[in-house]
Amino acid sequence: TGFILRLPIWGQPPDQNCFDDSIYWEVPEEEEEN
């Protein structure tokens, strides 16, 4: 399964965007500003 998930077609997030909701979610502006 890991090798299948490594295929680039599934859009794995880049390192700098890991652990961050804003890459996949609309995050409230107040949170982003803070």
PDB file of all heavy atoms in Angstrom:
ATOM      1  N   THR A   1       0.830  -1.206   0.000  1.00  0.00           N
ATOM      2  CA  THR A   1       0.000   0.000   0.000  1.00  0.00           C
ATOM      3  C   THR A   1       0.862   1.254   0.000  1.00  0.00           C
ATOM      4  O   THR A   1       0.560   2.227  -0.713  1.00  0.00           O
ATOM      5  CB  THR A   1      -0.931   0.005   1.229  1.00  0.00           C
ATOM      6  OG1 THR A   1      -1.774  -1.148   1.170  1.00  0.00           O
ATOM      7  CG2 THR A   1      -1.788   1.258   1.273  1.00  0.00           C
ATOM      8  N   GLY A   2       1.938   1.239   0.777  1.00  0.00           N
ATOM      9  CA  GLY A   2       2.844   2.392   0.823  1.00  0.00           C
ATOM     10  C   GLY A   2       3.416   2.731  -0.541  1.00  0.00           C
ATOM     11  O   GLY A   2       3.466   3.906  -0.936  1.00  0.00           O
ATOM     12  N   PHE A   3       3.831   1.709  -1.286  1.00  0.00           N
ATOM     13  CA  PHE A   3       4.382   1.952  -2.620  1.00  0.00           C
ATOM     14  C   PHE A   3       3.317   2.499  -3.570  1.00  0.00           C
ATOM     15  O   PHE A   3       3.597   3.366  -4.411  1.00  0.00           O
ATOM     16  CB  PHE A   3       5.001   0.669  -3.186  1.00  0.00           C
ATOM     17  CG  PHE A   3       6.388   0.404  -2.681  1.00  0.00           C
ATOM     18  CD1 PHE A   3       6.654  -0.686  -1.859  1.00  0.00           C
ATOM     19  CD2 PHE A   3       7.441   1.245  -3.003  1.00  0.00           C
ATOM     20  CE1 PHE A   3       7.931  -0.932  -1.374  1.00  0.00           C
ATOM     21  CE2 PHE A   3       8.733   1.019  -2.539  1.00  0.00           C
ATOM     22  CZ  PHE A   3       8.979  -0.078  -1.725  1.00  0.00           C
ATOM     23  N   ILE A   4       2.090   2.018  -3.425  1.00  0.00           N
ATOM     24  CA  ILE A   4       0.997   2.541  -4.256  1.00  0.00           C
ATOM     25  C   ILE A   4       0.722   4.005  -3.908  1.00  0.00           C
ATOM     26  O   ILE A   4       0.531   4.850  -4.794  1.00  0.00           O
ATOM     27  CB  ILE A   4      -0.280   1.685  -4.078  1.00  0.00           C
ATOM     28  CG1 ILE A   4      -0.054   0.290  -4.658  1.00  0.00           C
ATOM     29  CG2 ILE A   4      -1.485   2.359  -4.735  1.00  0.00           C
ATOM     30  CD1 ILE A   4      -1.168  -0.701  -4.368  1.00  0.00           C
ATOM     31  N   LEU A   5       0.741   4.330  -2.611  1.00  0.00           N
ATOM     32  CA  LEU A   5       0.471   5.708  -2.181  1.00  0.00           C
ATOM     33  C   LEU A   5       1.590   6.665  -2.553  1.00  0.00           C
ATOM     34  O   LEU A   5       1.377   7.887  -2.573  1.00  0.00           O
ATOM     35  CB  LEU A   5       0.234   5.754  -0.665  1.00  0.00           C
ATOM     36  CG  LEU A   5      -0.976   4.976  -0.127  1.00  0.00           C
ATOM     37  CD1 LEU A   5      -1.152   5.230   1.361  1.00  0.00           C
ATOM     38  CD2 LEU A   5      -2.253   5.338  -0.873  1.00  0.00           C
ATOM     39  N   ARG A   6       2.768   6.146  -2.840  1.00  0.00           N
ATOM     40  CA  ARG A   6       3.886   7.010  -3.246  1.00  0.00           C
ATOM     41  C   ARG A   6       3.740   7.532  -4.670  1.00  0.00           C
ATOM     42  O   ARG A   6       4.443   8.459  -5.065  1.00  0.00           O
ATOM     43  CB  ARG A   6       5.212   6.246  -3.129  1.00  0.00           C
ATOM     44  CG  ARG A   6       5.775   6.243  -1.725  1.00  0.00           C
ATOM     45  CD  ARG A   6       7.063   5.468  -1.618  1.00  0.00           C
ATOM     46  NE  ARG A   6       8.121   6.005  -2.455  1.00  0.00           N
ATOM     47  CZ  ARG A   6       9.385   5.550  -2.437  1.00  0.00           C
ATOM     48  NH1 ARG A   6       9.706   4.546  -1.637  1.00  0.00           N
ATOM     49  NH2 ARG A   6      10.299   6.074  -3.198  1.00  0.00           N
ATOM     50  N   LEU A   7       2.842   6.924  -5.432  1.00  0.00           N
ATOM     51  CA  LEU A   7       2.646   7.393  -6.809  1.00  0.00           C
ATOM     52  C   LEU A   7       2.236   8.867  -6.790  1.00  0.00           C
ATOM     53  O   LEU A   7       1.363   9.266  -6.014  1.00  0.00           O
ATOM     54  CB  LEU A   7       1.570   6.557  -7.503  1.00  0.00           C
ATOM     55  CG  LEU A   7       1.885   5.064  -7.681  1.00  0.00           C
ATOM     56  CD1 LEU A   7       0.671   4.321  -8.238  1.00  0.00           C
ATOM     57  CD2 LEU A   7       3.082   4.877  -8.607  1.00  0.00           C
ATOM     58  N   PRO A   8       2.849   9.691  -7.629  1.00  0.00           N
ATOM     59  CA  PRO A   8       2.588  11.138  -7.579  1.00  0.00           C
ATOM     60  C   PRO A   8       1.150  11.537  -7.893  1.00  0.00           C
ATOM     61  O   PRO A   8       0.732  12.648  -7.561  1.00  0.00           O
ATOM     62  CB  PRO A   8       3.558  11.703  -8.632  1.00  0.00           C
ATOM     63  CG  PRO A   8       3.950  10.545  -9.494  1.00  0.00           C
ATOM     64  CD  PRO A   8       3.874   9.335  -8.634  1.00  0.00           C
ATOM     65  N   ILE A   9       0.367  10.644  -8.503  1.00  0.00           N
ATOM     66  CA  ILE A   9      -1.003  11.005  -8.883  1.00  0.00           C
ATOM     67  C   ILE A   9      -1.901  11.279  -7.680  1.00  0.00           C
ATOM     68  O   ILE A   9      -2.937  11.925  -7.815  1.00  0.00           O
ATOM     69  CB  ILE A   9      -1.653   9.898  -9.758  1.00  0.00           C
ATOM     70  CG1 ILE A   9      -1.674   8.556  -9.007  1.00  0.00           C
ATOM     71  CG2 ILE A   9      -0.954   9.767 -11.091  1.00  0.00           C
ATOM     72  CD1 ILE A   9      -2.477   7.473  -9.716  1.00  0.00           C
ATOM     73  N   TRP A  10      -1.519  10.814  -6.480  1.00  0.00           N
ATOM     74  CA  TRP A  10      -2.370  10.997  -5.312  1.00  0.00           C
ATOM     75  C   TRP A  10      -2.115  12.321  -4.602  1.00  0.00           C
ATOM     76  O   TRP A  10      -2.794  12.640  -3.630  1.00  0.00           O
ATOM     77  CB  TRP A  10      -2.190   9.847  -4.317  1.00  0.00           C
ATOM     78  CG  TRP A  10      -2.289   8.482  -4.917  1.00  0.00           C
ATOM     79  CD1 TRP A  10      -1.361   7.477  -4.853  1.00  0.00           C
ATOM     80  CD2 TRP A  10      -3.379   7.944  -5.680  1.00  0.00           C
ATOM     81  NE1 TRP A  10      -1.805   6.368  -5.527  1.00  0.00           N
ATOM     82  CE2 TRP A  10      -3.036   6.616  -6.053  1.00  0.00           C
ATOM     83  CE3 TRP A  10      -4.613   8.454  -6.105  1.00  0.00           C
ATOM     84  CZ2 TRP A  10      -3.883   5.813  -6.814  1.00  0.00           C
ATOM     85  CZ3 TRP A  10      -5.446   7.648  -6.860  1.00  0.00           C
ATOM     86  CH2 TRP A  10      -5.086   6.345  -7.207  1.00  0.00           C
ATOM     87  N   GLY A  11      -1.128  13.067  -5.047  1.00  0.00           N
ATOM     88  CA  GLY A  11      -0.921  14.413  -4.512  1.00  0.00           C
ATOM     89  C   GLY A  11      -0.488  14.491  -3.070  1.00  0.00           C
ATOM     90  O   GLY A  11      -1.087  15.206  -2.266  1.00  0.00           O
ATOM     91  N   GLN A  12       0.551  13.759  -2.714  1.00  0.00           N
ATOM     92  CA  GLN A  12       1.081  13.843  -1.350  1.00  0.00           C
ATOM     93  C   GLN A  12       1.583  15.251  -1.075  1.00  0.00           C
ATOM     94  O   GLN A  12       2.280  15.835  -1.897  1.00  0.00           O
ATOM     95  CB  GLN A  12       2.223  12.837  -1.184  1.00  0.00           C
ATOM     96  CG  GLN A  12       2.790  12.785   0.228  1.00  0.00           C
ATOM     97  CD  GLN A  12       3.687  11.575   0.437  1.00  0.00           C
ATOM     98  OE1 GLN A  12       3.292  10.462   0.129  1.00  0.00           O
ATOM     99  NE2 GLN A  12       4.875  11.797   0.948  1.00  0.00           N
ATOM    100  N   PRO A  13       1.235  15.848   0.071  1.00  0.00           N
ATOM    101  CA  PRO A  13       1.652  17.230   0.343  1.00  0.00           C
ATOM    102  C   PRO A  13       3.167  17.351   0.502  1.00  0.00           C
ATOM    103  O   PRO A  13       3.812  16.441   1.027  1.00  0.00           O
ATOM    104  CB  PRO A  13       0.941  17.556   1.659  1.00  0.00           C
ATOM    105  CG  PRO A  13       0.707  16.237   2.310  1.00  0.00           C
ATOM    106  CD  PRO A  13       0.465  15.272   1.185  1.00  0.00           C
ATOM    107  N   PRO A  14       3.743  18.454   0.064  1.00  0.00           N
ATOM    108  CA  PRO A  14       5.188  18.668   0.246  1.00  0.00           C
ATOM    109  C   PRO A  14       5.520  18.851   1.722  1.00  0.00           C
ATOM    110  O   PRO A  14       4.654  19.181   2.532  1.00  0.00           O
ATOM    111  CB  PRO A  14       5.456  19.944  -0.549  1.00  0.00           C
ATOM    112  CG  PRO A  14       4.138  20.634  -0.672  1.00  0.00           C
ATOM    113  CD  PRO A  14       3.099  19.566  -0.667  1.00  0.00           C
ATOM    114  N   ASP A  15       6.795  18.639   2.051  1.00  0.00           N
ATOM    115  CA  ASP A  15       7.219  18.690   3.455  1.00  0.00           C
ATOM    116  C   ASP A  15       6.774  19.965   4.162  1.00  0.00           C
ATOM    117  O   ASP A  15       6.302  19.924   5.303  1.00  0.00           O
ATOM    118  CB  ASP A  15       8.747  18.568   3.552  1.00  0.00           C
ATOM    119  CG  ASP A  15       9.242  17.171   3.208  1.00  0.00           C
ATOM    120  OD1 ASP A  15       8.391  16.284   3.020  1.00  0.00           O
ATOM    121  OD2 ASP A  15      10.468  16.976   3.114  1.00  0.00           O
ATOM    122  N   GLN A  16       6.928  21.100   3.491  1.00  0.00           N
ATOM    123  CA  GLN A  16       6.634  22.372   4.158  1.00  0.00           C
ATOM    124  C   GLN A  16       5.164  22.556   4.484  1.00  0.00           C
ATOM    125  O   GLN A  16       4.795  23.381   5.323  1.00  0.00           O
ATOM    126  CB  GLN A  16       7.144  23.560   3.325  1.00  0.00           C
ATOM    127  CG  GLN A  16       6.432  23.755   1.996  1.00  0.00           C
ATOM    128  CD  GLN A  16       7.115  23.018   0.849  1.00  0.00           C
ATOM    129  OE1 GLN A  16       7.806  22.014   1.080  1.00  0.00           O
ATOM    130  NE2 GLN A  16       6.953  23.530  -0.366  1.00  0.00           N
ATOM    131  N   ASN A  17       4.293  21.802   3.825  1.00  0.00           N
ATOM    132  CA  ASN A  17       2.851  21.922   4.065  1.00  0.00           C
ATOM    133  C   ASN A  17       2.286  20.809   4.946  1.00  0.00           C
ATOM    134  O   ASN A  17       1.058  20.700   5.093  1.00  0.00           O
ATOM    135  CB  ASN A  17       2.095  21.935   2.736  1.00  0.00           C
ATOM    136  CG  ASN A  17       2.409  23.161   1.903  1.00  0.00           C
ATOM    137  OD1 ASN A  17       3.100  23.074   0.895  1.00  0.00           O
ATOM    138  ND2 ASN A  17       1.928  24.312   2.329  1.00  0.00           N
ATOM    139  N   CYS A  18       3.142  19.982   5.511  1.00  0.00           N
ATOM    140  CA  CYS A  18       2.666  18.922   6.395  1.00  0.00           C
ATOM    141  C   CYS A  18       2.122  19.514   7.702  1.00  0.00           C
ATOM    142  O   CYS A  18       2.511  20.612   8.110  1.00  0.00           O
ATOM    143  CB  CYS A  18       3.797  17.943   6.713  1.00  0.00           C
ATOM    144  SG  CYS A  18       4.211  16.844   5.344  1.00  0.00           S
ATOM    145  N   PHE A  19       1.233  18.782   8.330  1.00  0.00           N
ATOM    146  CA  PHE A  19       0.669  19.157   9.635  1.00  0.00           C
ATOM    147  C   PHE A  19      -0.013  20.525   9.612  1.00  0.00           C
ATOM    148  O   PHE A  19      -0.014  21.246  10.603  1.00  0.00           O
ATOM    149  CB  PHE A  19       1.757  19.142  10.726  1.00  0.00           C
ATOM    150  CG  PHE A  19       2.618  17.921  10.719  1.00  0.00           C
ATOM    151  CD1 PHE A  19       3.949  17.983  10.311  1.00  0.00           C
ATOM    152  CD2 PHE A  19       2.104  16.693  11.095  1.00  0.00           C
ATOM    153  CE1 PHE A  19       4.740  16.838  10.292  1.00  0.00           C
ATOM    154  CE2 PHE A  19       2.892  15.555  11.075  1.00  0.00           C
ATOM    155  CZ  PHE A  19       4.213  15.631  10.671  1.00  0.00           C
ATOM    156  N   ASP A  20      -0.598  20.881   8.473  1.00  0.00           N
ATOM    157  CA  ASP A  20      -1.212  22.196   8.317  1.00  0.00           C
ATOM    158  C   ASP A  20      -2.568  22.057   7.620  1.00  0.00           C
ATOM    159  O   ASP A  20      -2.643  21.596   6.482  1.00  0.00           O
ATOM    160  CB  ASP A  20      -0.286  23.105   7.507  1.00  0.00           C
ATOM    161  CG  ASP A  20      -0.741  24.556   7.513  1.00  0.00           C
ATOM    162  OD1 ASP A  20      -1.909  24.817   7.865  1.00  0.00           O
ATOM    163  OD2 ASP A  20       0.074  25.429   7.163  1.00  0.00           O
ATOM    164  N   ASP A  21      -3.624  22.466   8.317  1.00  0.00           N
ATOM    165  CA  ASP A  21      -4.976  22.362   7.754  1.00  0.00           C
ATOM    166  C   ASP A  21      -5.172  23.197   6.497  1.00  0.00           C
ATOM    167  O   ASP A  21      -5.958  22.833   5.622  1.00  0.00           O
ATOM    168  CB  ASP A  21      -6.006  22.829   8.793  1.00  0.00           C
ATOM    169  CG  ASP A  21      -6.392  21.738   9.770  1.00  0.00           C
ATOM    170  OD1 ASP A  21      -6.293  20.557   9.398  1.00  0.00           O
ATOM    171  OD2 ASP A  21      -6.779  22.063  10.899  1.00  0.00           O
ATOM    172  N   SER A  22      -4.501  24.333   6.415  1.00  0.00           N
ATOM    173  CA  SER A  22      -4.812  25.292   5.361  1.00  0.00           C
ATOM    174  C   SER A  22      -4.546  24.763   3.954  1.00  0.00           C
ATOM    175  O   SER A  22      -5.045  25.329   2.980  1.00  0.00           O
ATOM    176  CB  SER A  22      -4.027  26.593   5.574  1.00  0.00           C
ATOM    177  OG  SER A  22      -2.636  26.355   5.479  1.00  0.00           O
ATOM    178  N   ILE A  23      -3.792  23.673   3.825  1.00  0.00           N
ATOM    179  CA  ILE A  23      -3.542  23.102   2.506  1.00  0.00           C
ATOM    180  C   ILE A  23      -4.794  22.417   1.953  1.00  0.00           C
ATOM    181  O   ILE A  23      -4.998  22.362   0.733  1.00  0.00           O
ATOM    182  CB  ILE A  23      -2.349  22.116   2.563  1.00  0.00           C
ATOM    183  CG1 ILE A  23      -1.987  21.619   1.166  1.00  0.00           C
ATOM    184  CG2 ILE A  23      -2.625  20.954   3.469  1.00  0.00           C
ATOM    185  CD1 ILE A  23      -0.753  20.736   1.137  1.00  0.00           C
ATOM    186  N   TYR A  24      -5.667  21.924   2.831  1.00  0.00           N
ATOM    187  CA  TYR A  24      -6.866  21.195   2.375  1.00  0.00           C
ATOM    188  C   TYR A  24      -8.179  21.794   2.865  1.00  0.00           C
ATOM    189  O   TYR A  24      -9.240  21.345   2.466  1.00  0.00           O
ATOM    190  CB  TYR A  24      -6.791  19.729   2.827  1.00  0.00           C
ATOM    191  CG  TYR A  24      -5.632  18.974   2.239  1.00  0.00           C
ATOM    192  CD1 TYR A  24      -4.686  18.371   3.057  1.00  0.00           C
ATOM    193  CD2 TYR A  24      -5.469  18.873   0.862  1.00  0.00           C
ATOM    194  CE1 TYR A  24      -3.612  17.676   2.514  1.00  0.00           C
ATOM    195  CE2 TYR A  24      -4.395  18.195   0.311  1.00  0.00           C
ATOM    196  CZ  TYR A  24      -3.474  17.604   1.137  1.00  0.00           C
ATOM    197  OH  TYR A  24      -2.407  16.927   0.602  1.00  0.00           O
ATOM    198  N   TRP A  25      -8.124  22.766   3.765  1.00  0.00           N
ATOM    199  CA  TRP A  25      -9.339  23.311   4.364  1.00  0.00           C
ATOM    200  C   TRP A  25      -9.373  24.833   4.252  1.00  0.00           C
ATOM    201  O   TRP A  25      -8.330  25.487   4.241  1.00  0.00           O
ATOM    202  CB  TRP A  25      -9.420  22.945   5.856  1.00  0.00           C
ATOM    203  CG  TRP A  25      -9.534  21.494   6.136  1.00  0.00           C
ATOM    204  CD1 TRP A  25      -8.512  20.598   6.233  1.00  0.00           C
ATOM    205  CD2 TRP A  25     -10.741  20.746   6.357  1.00  0.00           C
ATOM    206  NE1 TRP A  25      -8.995  19.344   6.502  1.00  0.00           N
ATOM    207  CE2 TRP A  25     -10.366  19.404   6.581  1.00  0.00           C
ATOM    208  CE3 TRP A  25     -12.092  21.079   6.397  1.00  0.00           C
ATOM    209  CZ2 TRP A  25     -11.292  18.405   6.844  1.00  0.00           C
ATOM    210  CZ3 TRP A  25     -13.020  20.088   6.657  1.00  0.00           C
ATOM    211  CH2 TRP A  25     -12.620  18.760   6.876  1.00  0.00           C
ATOM    212  N   GLU A  26     -10.596  25.367   4.209  1.00  0.00           N
ATOM    213  CA  GLU A  26     -10.778  26.807   4.381  1.00  0.00           C
ATOM    214  C   GLU A  26     -10.640  27.084   5.874  1.00  0.00           C
ATOM    215  O   GLU A  26     -11.481  26.667   6.671  1.00  0.00           O
ATOM    216  CB  GLU A  26     -12.164  27.233   3.891  1.00  0.00           C
ATOM    217  CG  GLU A  26     -12.343  27.159   2.381  1.00  0.00           C
ATOM    218  CD  GLU A  26     -11.583  28.244   1.641  1.00  0.00           C
ATOM    219  OE1 GLU A  26     -11.059  29.168   2.317  1.00  0.00           O
ATOM    220  OE2 GLU A  26     -11.494  28.169   0.411  1.00  0.00           O
ATOM    221  N   VAL A  27      -9.575  27.771   6.245  1.00  0.00           N
ATOM    222  CA  VAL A  27      -9.326  28.059   7.659  1.00  0.00           C
ATOM    223  C   VAL A  27      -9.806  29.481   7.958  1.00  0.00           C
ATOM    224  O   VAL A  27      -9.557  30.393   7.164  1.00  0.00           O
ATOM    225  CB  VAL A  27      -7.821  27.917   7.979  1.00  0.00           C
ATOM    226  CG1 VAL A  27      -7.534  28.268   9.432  1.00  0.00           C
ATOM    227  CG2 VAL A  27      -7.350  26.498   7.672  1.00  0.00           C
ATOM    228  N   PRO A  28     -10.513  29.704   9.054  1.00  0.00           N
ATOM    229  CA  PRO A  28     -10.985  31.058   9.386  1.00  0.00           C
ATOM    230  C   PRO A  28      -9.859  32.083   9.320  1.00  0.00           C
ATOM    231  O   PRO A  28      -8.746  31.823   9.795  1.00  0.00           O
ATOM    232  CB  PRO A  28     -11.516  30.901  10.820  1.00  0.00           C
ATOM    233  CG  PRO A  28     -11.919  29.470  10.907  1.00  0.00           C
ATOM    234  CD  PRO A  28     -10.940  28.712  10.061  1.00  0.00           C
ATOM    235  N   GLU A  29     -10.163  33.251   8.746  1.00  0.00           N
ATOM    236  CA  GLU A  29      -9.139  34.282   8.544  1.00  0.00           C
ATOM    237  C   GLU A  29      -8.494  34.703   9.850  1.00  0.00           C
ATOM    238  O   GLU A  29      -7.306  34.973   9.915  1.00  0.00           O
ATOM    239  CB  GLU A  29      -9.764  35.507   7.868  1.00  0.00           C
ATOM    240  CG  GLU A  29     -10.146  35.270   6.415  1.00  0.00           C
ATOM    241  CD  GLU A  29     -10.781  36.500   5.802  1.00  0.00           C
ATOM    242  OE1 GLU A  29     -10.603  37.598   6.367  1.00  0.00           O
ATOM    243  OE2 GLU A  29     -11.470  36.356   4.779  1.00  0.00           O
ATOM    244  N   GLU A  30      -9.277  34.769  10.895  1.00  0.00           N
ATOM    245  CA  GLU A  30      -8.760  35.182  12.200  1.00  0.00           C
ATOM    246  C   GLU A  30      -7.618  34.282  12.633  1.00  0.00           C
ATOM    247  O   GLU A  30      -6.595  34.752  13.130  1.00  0.00           O
ATOM    248  CB  GLU A  30      -9.895  35.128  13.212  1.00  0.00           C
ATOM    249  CG  GLU A  30      -9.569  35.844  14.523  1.00  0.00           C
ATOM    250  CD  GLU A  30     -10.775  35.832  15.460  1.00  0.00           C
ATOM    251  OE1 GLU A  30     -11.889  36.148  15.000  1.00  0.00           O
ATOM    252  OE2 GLU A  30     -10.579  35.480  16.622  1.00  0.00           O
ATOM    253  N   GLU A  31      -7.796  32.967  12.438  1.00  0.00           N
ATOM    254  CA  GLU A  31      -6.751  32.011  12.800  1.00  0.00           C
ATOM    255  C   GLU A  31      -5.496  32.265  11.980  1.00  0.00           C
ATOM    256  O   GLU A  31      -4.388  32.281  12.491  1.00  0.00           O
ATOM    257  CB  GLU A  31      -7.245  30.577  12.564  1.00  0.00           C
ATOM    258  CG  GLU A  31      -8.253  30.083  13.568  1.00  0.00           C
ATOM    259  CD  GLU A  31      -7.612  29.752  14.905  1.00  0.00           C
ATOM    260  OE1 GLU A  31      -6.425  29.372  14.918  1.00  0.00           O
ATOM    261  OE2 GLU A  31      -8.292  29.899  15.933  1.00  0.00           O
ATOM    262  N   GLU A  32      -5.689  32.462  10.659  1.00  0.00           N
ATOM    263  CA  GLU A  32      -4.532  32.678   9.793  1.00  0.00           C
ATOM    264  C   GLU A  32      -3.791  33.950  10.176  1.00  0.00           C
ATOM    265  O   GLU A  32      -2.575  33.999  10.204  1.00  0.00           O
ATOM    266  CB  GLU A  32      -4.989  32.738   8.330  1.00  0.00           C
ATOM    267  CG  GLU A  32      -5.454  31.393   7.789  1.00  0.00           C
ATOM    268  CD  GLU A  32      -5.809  31.478   6.311  1.00  0.00           C
ATOM    269  OE1 GLU A  32      -6.186  32.570   5.859  1.00  0.00           O
ATOM    270  OE2 GLU A  32      -5.690  30.453   5.637  1.00  0.00           O
ATOM    271  N   GLU A  33      -4.574  35.021  10.486  1.00  0.00           N
ATOM    272  CA  GLU A  33      -3.954  36.277  10.871  1.00  0.00           C
ATOM    273  C   GLU A  33      -3.168  36.129  12.170  1.00  0.00           C
ATOM    274  O   GLU A  33      -2.071  36.668  12.322  1.00  0.00           O
ATOM    275  CB  GLU A  33      -5.021  37.358  11.027  1.00  0.00           C
ATOM    276  CG  GLU A  33      -5.598  37.822   9.695  1.00  0.00           C
ATOM    277  CD  GLU A  33      -6.823  38.691   9.878  1.00  0.00           C
ATOM    278  OE1 GLU A  33      -7.150  39.002  11.047  1.00  0.00           O
ATOM    279  OE2 GLU A  33      -7.458  39.054   8.863  1.00  0.00           O
ATOM    280  N   ASN A  34      -3.742  35.394  13.130  1.00  0.00           N
ATOM    281  CA  ASN A  34      -3.039  35.154  14.395  1.00  0.00           C
ATOM    282  C   ASN A  34      -1.735  34.418  14.168  1.00  0.00           C
ATOM    283  O   ASN A  34      -0.707  34.746  14.760  1.00  0.00           O
ATOM    284  CB  ASN A  34      -3.927  34.359  15.355  1.00  0.00           C
ATOM    285  CG  ASN A  34      -5.058  35.194  15.920  1.00  0.00           C
ATOM    286  OD1 ASN A  34      -4.990  36.425  15.872  1.00  0.00           O
ATOM    287  ND2 ASN A  34      -6.086  34.539  16.439  1.00  0.00           N
TER     288      ASN A  34
END
